[in-house]
Amino acid sequence: MSENAEDLKGLGAFIRSQRRLAELSQRELAKLAKLSDPYVSQLERGLHEPSVRVVKALSAALNLPAEVLMKQAGWLGLEIEEEPETEAAIRNDSNLTNSQKSAMLEIYKGFVSSNETK
């Protein structure tokens, strides 16, 4: 298997795991990202290389930085910072709904950015 094919399979598995963490069906993710259901299925199976527009749409629908998906696709080197532990903890907390996670992430990011400007 080529390196690109492995990257696509890894990206697909990552999209699937993030979709499941967000408690979304493929159909719901496709609707949020304005993509077709079959295309999302093919992406999750690593059958297609998404465009930058598609990666941005998926990242927005999954409430992830686009760089995270681009790194999973092998488009970016390891110089990208890892997601802060607090953000990862919020995303992975099964006691929160997707909308609660989004709200908490926005509040957290607001606090962090206001502290950085001081």
Protein backbone atom coordinates (compact mmCIF):
# COMPACT_ATOMS: atom_id res chain seq x y z
CA MET A 1 0.00 0.00 0.00
CA SER A 2 1.41 3.42 -0.94
CA GLU A 3 2.08 6.11 1.63
CA ASN A 4 -0.74 8.23 0.18
CA ALA A 5 -3.21 5.33 0.39
CA GLU A 6 -2.20 4.74 4.01
CA ASP A 7 -2.66 8.46 4.75
CA LEU A 8 -6.14 8.37 3.18
CA LYS A 9 -7.13 5.28 5.18
CA GLY A 10 -5.84 6.96 8.35
CA LEU A 11 -7.72 10.15 7.54
CA GLY A 12 -10.89 8.18 6.90
CA ALA A 13 -10.59 6.32 10.19
CA PHE A 14 -9.94 9.61 11.99
CA ILE A 15 -13.00 11.27 10.41
CA ARG A 16 -15.13 8.25 11.38
CA SER A 17 -13.89 8.30 14.98
CA GLN A 18 -14.46 12.06 15.31
CA ARG A 19 -17.95 11.69 13.79
CA ARG A 20 -18.78 8.97 16.29
CA LEU A 21 -17.40 11.06 19.17
CA ALA A 22 -19.66 13.88 18.03
CA GLU A 23 -22.53 11.36 17.99
CA LEU A 24 -23.31 12.09 14.34
CA SER A 25 -24.47 9.69 11.66
CA GLN A 26 -22.79 9.82 8.27
CA ARG A 27 -25.92 11.47 6.94
CA GLU A 28 -25.85 14.15 9.65
CA LEU A 29 -22.16 14.86 9.04
CA ALA A 30 -22.75 15.06 5.29
CA LYS A 31 -25.58 17.54 5.82
CA LEU A 32 -23.51 19.70 8.20
CA ALA A 33 -20.56 19.71 5.78
CA LYS A 34 -22.80 20.15 2.72
CA LEU A 35 -21.52 16.92 1.17
CA SER A 36 -23.30 13.85 -0.18
CA ASP A 37 -23.81 10.82 2.06
CA PRO A 38 -21.98 8.46 -0.34
CA TYR A 39 -19.00 10.83 -0.55
CA VAL A 40 -18.64 10.93 3.24
CA SER A 41 -18.80 7.14 3.28
CA GLN A 42 -16.06 6.96 0.63
CA LEU A 43 -13.91 9.42 2.57
CA GLU A 44 -14.28 7.38 5.75
CA ARG A 45 -13.16 4.29 3.84
CA GLY A 46 -10.13 6.12 2.44
CA LEU A 47 -11.29 5.83 -1.16
CA HIS A 48 -10.97 9.51 -2.09
CA GLU A 49 -8.55 12.32 -1.31
CA PRO A 50 -10.63 15.30 -0.21
CA SER A 51 -9.99 18.82 -1.45
CA VAL A 52 -9.00 21.59 0.95
CA ARG A 53 -12.59 22.90 0.73
CA VAL A 54 -13.94 19.51 1.81
CA VAL A 55 -11.43 19.24 4.67
CA LYS A 56 -12.46 22.70 5.89
CA ALA A 57 -16.15 21.79 5.66
CA LEU A 58 -15.61 18.55 7.57
CA SER A 59 -13.48 20.23 10.22
CA ALA A 60 -16.14 22.90 10.76
CA ALA A 61 -18.88 20.24 10.98
CA LEU A 62 -16.78 18.26 13.49
CA ASN A 63 -15.70 21.39 15.39
CA LEU A 64 -12.02 20.64 14.80
CA PRO A 65 -9.22 22.86 13.52
CA ALA A 66 -8.73 22.19 9.80
CA GLU A 67 -5.02 21.65 10.50
CA VAL A 68 -5.86 18.53 12.50
CA LEU A 69 -7.53 16.90 9.49
CA MET A 70 -4.81 18.14 7.14
CA LYS A 71 -2.19 16.58 9.39
CA GLN A 72 -4.12 13.29 9.40
CA ALA A 73 -4.18 13.44 5.59
CA GLY A 74 -0.40 13.76 5.57
CA TRP A 75 -0.53 17.26 4.09
CA LEU A 76 1.27 18.86 7.00
CA GLY A 77 4.40 17.86 8.85
CA LEU A 78 4.72 17.25 12.53
CA GLU A 79 5.37 20.94 13.22
CA ILE A 80 1.64 21.50 13.88
CA GLU A 81 0.92 21.86 17.58
CA GLU A 82 -1.09 19.13 19.16
CA GLU A 83 -4.56 19.97 20.37
CA PRO A 84 -4.43 21.34 23.93
CA GLU A 85 -5.31 18.72 26.54
CA THR A 86 -8.27 20.78 27.76
CA GLU A 87 -9.82 20.89 24.29
CA ALA A 88 -9.25 17.16 23.80
CA ALA A 89 -10.85 16.44 27.17
CA ILE A 90 -13.92 18.48 26.28
CA ARG A 91 -14.25 16.79 22.86
CA ASN A 92 -13.92 13.32 24.39
CA ASP A 93 -16.26 13.83 27.36
CA SER A 94 -19.15 11.44 26.79
CA ASN A 95 -21.22 13.21 29.45
CA LEU A 96 -21.60 16.28 27.21
CA THR A 97 -23.79 16.71 24.16
CA ASN A 98 -22.27 17.99 20.92
CA SER A 99 -23.80 21.44 21.46
CA GLN A 100 -22.48 21.55 25.05
CA LYS A 101 -19.01 20.62 23.79
CA SER A 102 -19.17 23.38 21.18
CA ALA A 103 -20.25 25.95 23.76
CA MET A 104 -17.52 24.93 26.21
CA LEU A 105 -14.86 25.00 23.50
CA GLU A 106 -15.90 28.50 22.42
CA ILE A 107 -15.76 29.75 26.01
CA TYR A 108 -12.40 28.09 26.63
CA LYS A 109 -10.90 29.47 23.41
CA GLY A 110 -12.23 32.93 24.28
CA PHE A 111 -10.53 32.85 27.67
CA VAL A 112 -7.25 31.60 26.19
CA SER A 113 -7.19 34.20 23.42
CA SER A 114 -8.00 37.05 25.83
CA ASN A 115 -5.11 35.94 28.06
CA GLU A 116 -2.73 35.83 25.11
CA THR A 117 -3.44 39.48 24.23
CA LYS A 118 -2.57 40.70 27.74
